[in-house]
C-alpha atoms as a PDB file:
ATOM      1  CA  UNK A   1      14.668 -10.888  -6.118  1.00  0.00           C
ATOM      2  CA  UNK A   2      12.064 -10.003  -3.218  1.00  0.00           C
ATOM      3  CA  UNK A   3       9.868  -6.259  -3.555  1.00  0.00           C
ATOM      4  CA  UNK A   4       8.447  -5.309  -0.300  1.00  0.00           C
ATOM      5  CA  UNK A   5       7.033  -1.885   0.906  1.00  0.00           C
ATOM      6  CA  UNK A   6       7.566  -0.577   4.589  1.00  0.00           C
ATOM      7  CA  UNK A   7       4.327   0.858   4.727  1.00  0.00           C
ATOM      8  CA  UNK A   8       0.930  -0.418   5.637  1.00  0.00           C
ATOM      9  CA  UNK A   9      -1.112   1.610   3.257  1.00  0.00           C
ATOM     10  CA  UNK A  10       0.551   0.714  -0.107  1.00  0.00           C
ATOM     11  CA  UNK A  11       0.659  -2.327  -1.948  1.00  0.00           C
ATOM     12  CA  UNK A  12       3.173  -4.164  -4.435  1.00  0.00           C
ATOM     13  CA  UNK A  13       1.890  -5.899  -7.174  1.00  0.00           C
ATOM     14  CA  UNK A  14       2.953  -8.042 -10.731  1.00  0.00           C
ATOM     15  CA  UNK A  15       0.405  -6.461 -13.552  1.00  0.00           C
ATOM     16  CA  UNK A  16      -0.081  -4.826 -16.450  1.00  0.00           C
ATOM     17  CA  UNK A  17       0.226  -1.201 -16.762  1.00  0.00           C
ATOM     18  CA  UNK A  18      -2.000   0.133 -18.742  1.00  0.00           C
ATOM     19  CA  UNK A  19      -3.689   3.338 -17.776  1.00  0.00           C
ATOM     20  CA  UNK A  20      -7.176   2.575 -18.445  1.00  0.00           C
ATOM     21  CA  UNK A  21      -6.856  -0.610 -16.465  1.00  0.00           C
ATOM     22  CA  UNK A  22      -5.178   1.637 -13.604  1.00  0.00           C
ATOM     23  CA  UNK A  23      -8.609   3.490 -13.851  1.00  0.00           C
ATOM     24  CA  UNK A  24     -10.102   0.370 -13.518  1.00  0.00           C
ATOM     25  CA  UNK A  25      -7.754  -0.981 -10.487  1.00  0.00           C
ATOM     26  CA  UNK A  26      -8.802   2.436  -9.193  1.00  0.00           C
ATOM     27  CA  UNK A  27     -12.701   2.423  -9.520  1.00  0.00           C
ATOM     28  CA  UNK A  28     -12.740  -1.729  -8.310  1.00  0.00           C
ATOM     29  CA  UNK A  29     -10.609  -0.647  -4.821  1.00  0.00           C
ATOM     30  CA  UNK A  30     -13.334   2.615  -4.513  1.00  0.00           C
ATOM     31  CA  UNK A  31     -16.137   0.176  -4.949  1.00  0.00           C
ATOM     32  CA  UNK A  32     -14.761  -2.507  -2.859  1.00  0.00           C
ATOM     33  CA  UNK A  33     -13.271  -0.677   0.432  1.00  0.00           C
ATOM     34  CA  UNK A  34     -15.242   2.657   0.610  1.00  0.00           C
ATOM     35  CA  UNK A  35     -13.357   5.410   1.995  1.00  0.00           C
ATOM     36  CA  UNK A  36     -17.040   6.563   3.135  1.00  0.00           C
ATOM     37  CA  UNK A  37     -17.814   3.616   5.174  1.00  0.00           C
ATOM     38  CA  UNK A  38     -17.934   3.437   8.831  1.00  0.00           C
ATOM     39  CA  UNK A  39     -14.399   1.747   9.908  1.00  0.00           C
ATOM     40  CA  UNK A  40     -13.750   1.259  13.530  1.00  0.00           C
ATOM     41  CA  UNK A  41      -9.920   1.896  12.903  1.00  0.00           C
ATOM     42  CA  UNK A  42     -11.241   6.015  11.586  1.00  0.00           C
ATOM     43  CA  UNK A  43     -12.797   6.290  15.297  1.00  0.00           C
ATOM     44  CA  UNK A  44      -9.793   7.854  16.274  1.00  0.00           C
ATOM     45  CA  UNK A  45     -11.911   9.299  19.337  1.00  0.00           C
ATOM     46  CA  UNK A  46     -11.598   5.597  20.896  1.00  0.00           C
ATOM     47  CA  UNK A  47      -7.942   5.633  19.875  1.00  0.00           C
ATOM     48  CA  UNK A  48      -4.811   6.344  21.969  1.00  0.00           C
ATOM     49  CA  UNK A  49      -2.453   7.955  20.945  1.00  0.00           C
ATOM     50  CA  UNK A  50       1.615   6.114  20.700  1.00  0.00           C
ATOM     51  CA  UNK A  51       2.819   6.797  23.917  1.00  0.00           C
ATOM     52  CA  UNK A  52       4.896   9.972  24.213  1.00  0.00           C
ATOM     53  CA  UNK A  53       3.617  11.630  21.038  1.00  0.00           C
ATOM     54  CA  UNK A  54       4.971  15.305  21.251  1.00  0.00           C
ATOM     55  CA  UNK A  55       1.684  17.037  21.798  1.00  0.00           C
ATOM     56  CA  UNK A  56      -0.379  14.498  23.079  1.00  0.00           C
ATOM     57  CA  UNK A  57      -3.483  12.949  21.943  1.00  0.00           C
ATOM     58  CA  UNK A  58      -4.988  16.304  19.884  1.00  0.00           C
ATOM     59  CA  UNK A  59      -1.679  16.311  18.306  1.00  0.00           C
ATOM     60  CA  UNK A  60      -1.585  12.705  16.942  1.00  0.00           C
ATOM     61  CA  UNK A  61      -5.391  12.867  15.909  1.00  0.00           C
ATOM     62  CA  UNK A  62      -4.576  16.417  13.897  1.00  0.00           C
ATOM     63  CA  UNK A  63      -2.463  14.343  11.755  1.00  0.00           C
ATOM     64  CA  UNK A  64      -3.579  11.048  11.854  1.00  0.00           C
ATOM     65  CA  UNK A  65      -5.960   9.921   8.331  1.00  0.00           C
ATOM     66  CA  UNK A  66      -8.983   8.257   8.436  1.00  0.00           C
ATOM     67  CA  UNK A  67      -7.806   5.503   6.003  1.00  0.00           C
ATOM     68  CA  UNK A  68      -9.225   2.227   7.288  1.00  0.00           C
ATOM     69  CA  UNK A  69      -9.839   1.407   3.591  1.00  0.00           C
ATOM     70  CA  UNK A  70      -6.133   1.848   2.432  1.00  0.00           C
ATOM     71  CA  UNK A  71      -5.083  -0.746   5.326  1.00  0.00           C
ATOM     72  CA  UNK A  72      -7.751  -2.978   4.119  1.00  0.00           C
ATOM     73  CA  UNK A  73      -6.902  -3.104   0.510  1.00  0.00           C
ATOM     74  CA  UNK A  74      -3.033  -3.187   1.538  1.00  0.00           C
ATOM     75  CA  UNK A  75      -3.757  -6.806   2.918  1.00  0.00           C
ATOM     76  CA  UNK A  76      -5.551  -7.762   0.436  1.00  0.00           C
ATOM     77  CA  UNK A  77      -3.349  -6.720  -2.454  1.00  0.00           C
ATOM     78  CA  UNK A  78      -0.112  -7.942  -0.307  1.00  0.00           C
ATOM     79  CA  UNK A  79       2.777  -5.434   0.526  1.00  0.00           C
ATOM     80  CA  UNK A  80       5.364  -7.824  -1.619  1.00  0.00           C
ATOM     81  CA  UNK A  81       6.682  -9.997  -4.660  1.00  0.00           C
ATOM     82  CA  UNK A  82       8.912 -12.346  -5.348  1.00  0.00           C
ATOM     83  CA  UNK A  83      10.106 -12.196  -9.055  1.00  0.00           C
ATOM     84  CA  UNK A  84      12.618 -14.371 -10.385  1.00  0.00           C
ATOM     85  CA  UNK A  85      16.204 -13.263 -12.118  1.00  0.00           C
ATOM     86  CA  UNK A  86      17.698 -14.486 -14.629  1.00  0.00           C
ATOM     87  CA  UNK A  87      21.212 -13.161 -16.784  1.00  0.00           C
ATOM     88  CA  UNK A  88      20.575 -10.158 -14.586  1.00  0.00           C
ATOM     89  CA  UNK A  89      17.342  -9.626 -16.102  1.00  0.00           C
ATOM     90  CA  UNK A  90      13.577  -9.853 -14.203  1.00  0.00           C
ATOM     91  CA  UNK A  91      11.572 -12.684 -15.426  1.00  0.00           C
ATOM     92  CA  UNK A  92       8.360 -10.725 -16.127  1.00  0.00           C
ATOM     93  CA  UNK A  93       6.152 -11.417 -19.250  1.00  0.00           C
ATOM     94  CA  UNK A  94       5.514  -9.451 -22.168  1.00  0.00           C
ATOM     95  CA  UNK A  95       2.613  -7.236 -20.491  1.00  0.00           C
ATOM     96  CA  UNK A  96       3.821  -7.270 -16.861  1.00  0.00           C
ATOM     97  CA  UNK A  97       5.439  -4.686 -14.575  1.00  0.00           C
ATOM     98  CA  UNK A  98       6.059  -4.011 -10.772  1.00  0.00           C
ATOM     99  CA  UNK A  99       3.638  -1.718  -9.123  1.00  0.00           C
ATOM    100  CA  UNK A 100       3.481   0.138  -6.045  1.00  0.00           C
ATOM    101  CA  UNK A 101       0.001   0.478  -5.747  1.00  0.00           C
ATOM    102  CA  UNK A 102      -0.345   3.803  -3.625  1.00  0.00           C
ATOM    103  CA  UNK A 103      -3.656   3.519  -1.364  1.00  0.00           C
ATOM    104  CA  UNK A 104      -3.863   6.564   0.790  1.00  0.00           C
ATOM    105  CA  UNK A 105      -1.341   9.258  -0.466  1.00  0.00           C
ATOM    106  CA  UNK A 106       0.275  10.869  -2.179  1.00  0.00           C
ATOM    107  CA  UNK A 107       3.352   9.978   0.798  1.00  0.00           C
ATOM    108  CA  UNK A 108       6.844   9.459   0.745  1.00  0.00           C
ATOM    109  CA  UNK A 109       7.285   5.649   0.696  1.00  0.00           C
ATOM    110  CA  UNK A 110       9.897   3.070   0.814  1.00  0.00           C
ATOM    111  CA  UNK A 111      10.574  -0.239  -0.491  1.00  0.00           C
ATOM    112  CA  UNK A 112      12.945  -2.926   0.578  1.00  0.00           C
ATOM    113  CA  UNK A 113      14.568  -4.757  -2.285  1.00  0.00           C
ATOM    114  CA  UNK A 114      16.480  -7.823  -1.903  1.00  0.00           C
ATOM    115  CA  UNK A 115      18.345 -10.168  -4.296  1.00  0.00           C
ATOM    116  CA  UNK A 116      19.294 -13.466  -3.903  1.00  0.00           C
ATOM    117  CA  UNK A 117      21.809 -15.725  -5.683  1.00  0.00           C
ATOM    118  CA  UNK A 118      21.975 -18.519  -7.738  1.00  0.00           C
END
């Protein structure tokens, strides 16, 4: 089975879903890619709005988040996982879970899940 995110600012991974570990991961991500760094992607005044954006550049810039750190973290963690399935069950270890890491939200997200045969 393949689980894949359709977004560039969240990630999919397999790990333990223990609350204190999730706090550790969040702290680590903030240290690794601080949102306050001067990322070029966040220089909105140097970027162009998508062609035909309703309301022009100003409307686009108003809604565009400063989220370069989220894109970078998503690239490092990855946006998909392949997980074996046997007897209609995911083949995961005792403490493993499939996790969606929200890196720029909260937002509504979509995943693609593809299950292949024998």
